[in-house]
Structures are given as structure tokens and as C-alpha cells.
Amino acid sequence: MKISVKVIANSSFSKVIEDEIDLFGNRFLKIKIAQIREGGKANKALIDLIANYFNVKKSQISIVAGILATKKIIQINQS
């Protein structure tokens, strides 16, 4: 499953603040992360948060696009 994500880093808390499905059936998450965008800390925190949100292992999640951007495409493998 692929999910579009908008990340707001360096927030006061880490939480999924929006979870929507658009007209085409694509899922979109808006997430606040308390970590700063330095050395991959925010991306690691993002993967941890998504793993908890969807109740999957962190190893099942990968960032397939936007590794350095605020808008990302996340792949969750259901195996």
C-alpha cells in the first residue's frame, strides 16, 4: 500500500493530524513530528509513528519518494 504523507518537522509533539482519502481512493496523511530535519532523525521518527499507527513492523515501511522533502510517498508492505 502506498500513502502520500506531508510531514511537519520540529513540532512540539508527534501525531497523525489528518487521515483522508481523496476522490481517487488514495490515502493522504498529515503528520507532525517532534524531531528536527537533521541526519534523518525526522524520517526515522516518521517511520516509527507510521508503524505504530498502522500496527505494522518498522521493517515493513519504506520511504520511496521525497526522502529530503516534506511531501513523501510511503510504501507499507503487508507481508
N, C-alpha and C. Protein backbone atom coordinates (compact mmCIF):
# COMPACT_ATOMS: atom_id res chain seq x y z
N MET A 1 0.85 -1.17 0.00
CA MET A 1 0.00 0.00 0.00
C MET A 1 0.90 1.23 0.00
N LYS A 2 0.59 2.19 -0.88
CA LYS A 2 1.33 3.45 -0.94
C LYS A 2 0.47 4.56 -0.35
N ILE A 3 1.13 5.42 0.42
CA ILE A 3 0.43 6.52 1.10
C ILE A 3 1.20 7.81 0.86
N SER A 4 0.49 8.88 0.54
CA SER A 4 1.10 10.21 0.45
C SER A 4 1.13 10.81 1.84
N VAL A 5 2.25 11.44 2.18
CA VAL A 5 2.42 11.99 3.53
C VAL A 5 2.99 13.40 3.43
N LYS A 6 2.43 14.31 4.20
CA LYS A 6 3.02 15.63 4.38
C LYS A 6 3.52 15.68 5.81
N VAL A 7 4.81 15.98 5.97
CA VAL A 7 5.45 15.98 7.28
C VAL A 7 5.76 17.40 7.72
N ILE A 8 5.39 17.70 8.96
CA ILE A 8 5.74 18.98 9.58
C ILE A 8 6.71 18.64 10.71
N ALA A 9 7.99 18.88 10.47
CA ALA A 9 9.03 18.52 11.43
C ALA A 9 9.22 19.63 12.45
N ASN A 10 9.94 19.30 13.52
CA ASN A 10 10.29 20.23 14.59
C ASN A 10 9.02 20.80 15.26
N SER A 11 8.03 19.94 15.42
CA SER A 11 6.79 20.32 16.09
C SER A 11 6.93 20.06 17.59
N SER A 12 5.95 20.47 18.36
CA SER A 12 6.01 20.26 19.80
C SER A 12 5.58 18.84 20.19
N PHE A 13 5.01 18.08 19.24
CA PHE A 13 4.57 16.71 19.50
C PHE A 13 4.60 15.91 18.21
N SER A 14 4.51 14.59 18.33
CA SER A 14 4.44 13.70 17.16
C SER A 14 3.07 13.04 17.12
N LYS A 15 2.36 13.26 16.00
CA LYS A 15 1.00 12.74 15.89
C LYS A 15 0.51 12.83 14.45
N VAL A 16 -0.33 11.88 14.06
CA VAL A 16 -1.04 11.98 12.78
C VAL A 16 -2.19 12.94 13.01
N ILE A 17 -2.19 14.06 12.27
CA ILE A 17 -3.23 15.06 12.50
C ILE A 17 -4.33 15.03 11.44
N GLU A 18 -4.07 14.38 10.30
CA GLU A 18 -5.11 14.19 9.27
C GLU A 18 -4.91 12.84 8.64
N ASP A 19 -6.01 12.16 8.37
CA ASP A 19 -6.00 10.88 7.66
C ASP A 19 -7.20 10.91 6.73
N GLU A 20 -6.95 11.16 5.45
CA GLU A 20 -8.04 11.35 4.49
C GLU A 20 -7.85 10.45 3.28
N ILE A 21 -8.94 10.22 2.58
CA ILE A 21 -8.92 9.50 1.31
C ILE A 21 -9.51 10.44 0.27
N ASP A 22 -8.76 10.66 -0.84
CA ASP A 22 -9.23 11.60 -1.86
C ASP A 22 -10.27 10.93 -2.77
N LEU A 23 -10.72 11.66 -3.77
CA LEU A 23 -11.75 11.17 -4.69
C LEU A 23 -11.32 9.96 -5.49
N PHE A 24 -10.01 9.77 -5.64
CA PHE A 24 -9.48 8.66 -6.42
C PHE A 24 -9.17 7.44 -5.55
N GLY A 25 -9.43 7.54 -4.25
CA GLY A 25 -9.19 6.43 -3.34
C GLY A 25 -7.78 6.38 -2.77
N ASN A 26 -7.00 7.44 -3.01
CA ASN A 26 -5.64 7.49 -2.48
C ASN A 26 -5.65 8.02 -1.05
N ARG A 27 -4.85 7.42 -0.21
CA ARG A 27 -4.79 7.84 1.20
C ARG A 27 -3.74 8.92 1.38
N PHE A 28 -4.07 9.92 2.20
CA PHE A 28 -3.18 11.05 2.47
C PHE A 28 -3.12 11.27 3.98
N LEU A 29 -1.90 11.34 4.51
CA LEU A 29 -1.70 11.62 5.93
C LEU A 29 -0.96 12.94 6.09
N LYS A 30 -1.36 13.69 7.09
CA LYS A 30 -0.62 14.89 7.50
C LYS A 30 -0.11 14.60 8.90
N ILE A 31 1.22 14.68 9.08
CA ILE A 31 1.84 14.23 10.31
C ILE A 31 2.76 15.29 10.87
N LYS A 32 2.65 15.51 12.17
CA LYS A 32 3.59 16.38 12.89
C LYS A 32 4.61 15.50 13.59
N ILE A 33 5.88 15.87 13.47
CA ILE A 33 6.99 15.13 14.07
C ILE A 33 7.77 16.07 14.97
N ALA A 34 8.08 15.61 16.17
CA ALA A 34 8.82 16.44 17.12
C ALA A 34 10.31 16.54 16.78
N GLN A 35 10.83 15.59 16.03
CA GLN A 35 12.25 15.59 15.67
C GLN A 35 12.56 16.65 14.61
N ILE A 36 13.82 17.09 14.59
CA ILE A 36 14.24 18.06 13.59
C ILE A 36 14.68 17.34 12.31
N ARG A 37 14.70 18.07 11.21
CA ARG A 37 15.10 17.51 9.91
C ARG A 37 16.62 17.55 9.80
N GLU A 38 17.28 16.68 10.53
CA GLU A 38 18.74 16.66 10.52
C GLU A 38 19.20 15.22 10.66
N GLY A 39 20.03 14.79 9.74
CA GLY A 39 20.61 13.46 9.82
C GLY A 39 19.61 12.32 9.77
N GLY A 40 18.46 12.55 9.16
CA GLY A 40 17.45 11.50 9.03
C GLY A 40 16.63 11.26 10.29
N LYS A 41 16.77 12.11 11.30
CA LYS A 41 16.03 11.92 12.56
C LYS A 41 14.52 12.01 12.35
N ALA A 42 14.08 12.97 11.56
CA ALA A 42 12.64 13.13 11.31
C ALA A 42 12.09 11.95 10.51
N ASN A 43 12.85 11.45 9.55
CA ASN A 43 12.40 10.29 8.76
C ASN A 43 12.30 9.05 9.64
N LYS A 44 13.25 8.85 10.54
CA LYS A 44 13.21 7.71 11.44
C LYS A 44 12.00 7.82 12.38
N ALA A 45 11.75 9.01 12.91
CA ALA A 45 10.58 9.23 13.76
C ALA A 45 9.29 9.02 12.99
N LEU A 46 9.28 9.43 11.72
CA LEU A 46 8.11 9.23 10.85
C LEU A 46 7.82 7.74 10.68
N ILE A 47 8.83 6.95 10.41
CA ILE A 47 8.64 5.50 10.24
C ILE A 47 8.15 4.88 11.53
N ASP A 48 8.69 5.30 12.67
CA ASP A 48 8.22 4.79 13.97
C ASP A 48 6.75 5.11 14.18
N LEU A 49 6.36 6.34 13.89
CA LEU A 49 4.98 6.77 14.09
C LEU A 49 4.02 6.02 13.16
N ILE A 50 4.39 5.87 11.90
CA ILE A 50 3.54 5.16 10.95
C ILE A 50 3.42 3.69 11.33
N ALA A 51 4.51 3.08 11.80
CA ALA A 51 4.46 1.68 12.24
C ALA A 51 3.46 1.51 13.39
N ASN A 52 3.48 2.42 14.33
CA ASN A 52 2.53 2.36 15.44
C ASN A 52 1.11 2.64 14.98
N TYR A 53 0.94 3.59 14.07
CA TYR A 53 -0.38 3.99 13.59
C TYR A 53 -1.09 2.85 12.85
N PHE A 54 -0.33 2.14 12.00
CA PHE A 54 -0.91 1.05 11.21
C PHE A 54 -0.68 -0.32 11.83
N ASN A 55 -0.01 -0.36 13.00
CA ASN A 55 0.26 -1.60 13.71
C ASN A 55 1.02 -2.60 12.84
N VAL A 56 2.12 -2.14 12.25
CA VAL A 56 3.00 -2.99 11.44
C VAL A 56 4.43 -2.83 11.96
N LYS A 57 5.31 -3.71 11.50
CA LYS A 57 6.71 -3.61 11.88
C LYS A 57 7.38 -2.48 11.11
N LYS A 58 8.39 -1.87 11.73
CA LYS A 58 9.12 -0.79 11.06
C LYS A 58 9.81 -1.28 9.79
N SER A 59 10.19 -2.55 9.76
CA SER A 59 10.86 -3.11 8.59
C SER A 59 9.93 -3.21 7.38
N GLN A 60 8.62 -3.11 7.59
CA GLN A 60 7.64 -3.17 6.50
C GLN A 60 7.41 -1.82 5.84
N ILE A 61 8.03 -0.77 6.39
CA ILE A 61 7.79 0.60 5.90
C ILE A 61 9.04 1.14 5.23
N SER A 62 8.85 1.78 4.07
CA SER A 62 9.96 2.45 3.40
C SER A 62 9.47 3.75 2.76
N ILE A 63 10.39 4.70 2.67
CA ILE A 63 10.11 5.96 2.00
C ILE A 63 10.58 5.80 0.57
N VAL A 64 9.65 5.81 -0.38
CA VAL A 64 10.01 5.55 -1.78
C VAL A 64 10.22 6.84 -2.58
N ALA A 65 9.73 7.96 -2.07
CA ALA A 65 9.94 9.25 -2.75
C ALA A 65 9.89 10.36 -1.71
N GLY A 66 10.73 11.36 -1.90
CA GLY A 66 10.71 12.53 -1.04
C GLY A 66 11.53 12.39 0.22
N ILE A 67 12.60 11.65 0.17
CA ILE A 67 13.42 11.40 1.36
C ILE A 67 13.90 12.71 2.00
N LEU A 68 14.14 13.74 1.21
CA LEU A 68 14.59 15.03 1.74
C LEU A 68 13.51 16.10 1.70
N ALA A 69 12.31 15.73 1.30
CA ALA A 69 11.22 16.70 1.14
C ALA A 69 10.18 16.56 2.25
N THR A 70 9.31 17.53 2.36
CA THR A 70 8.23 17.44 3.34
C THR A 70 7.07 16.58 2.83
N LYS A 71 6.93 16.47 1.52
CA LYS A 71 5.91 15.59 0.93
C LYS A 71 6.60 14.31 0.51
N LYS A 72 6.09 13.19 1.00
CA LYS A 72 6.72 11.90 0.79
C LYS A 72 5.70 10.87 0.32
N ILE A 73 6.20 9.80 -0.30
CA ILE A 73 5.41 8.64 -0.62
C ILE A 73 5.96 7.50 0.22
N ILE A 74 5.08 6.89 1.01
CA ILE A 74 5.46 5.82 1.92
C ILE A 74 4.88 4.51 1.38
N GLN A 75 5.71 3.47 1.38
CA GLN A 75 5.28 2.13 0.98
C GLN A 75 5.19 1.27 2.23
N ILE A 76 4.02 0.63 2.43
CA ILE A 76 3.85 -0.31 3.54
C ILE A 76 3.63 -1.69 2.93
N ASN A 77 4.56 -2.60 3.20
CA ASN A 77 4.44 -3.97 2.71
C ASN A 77 3.63 -4.77 3.71
N GLN A 78 2.60 -5.45 3.25
CA GLN A 78 1.68 -6.16 4.12
C GLN A 78 2.09 -7.61 4.39
N SER A 79 3.31 -7.98 4.06
CA SER A 79 3.73 -9.38 4.24
C SER A 79 4.12 -9.70 5.65
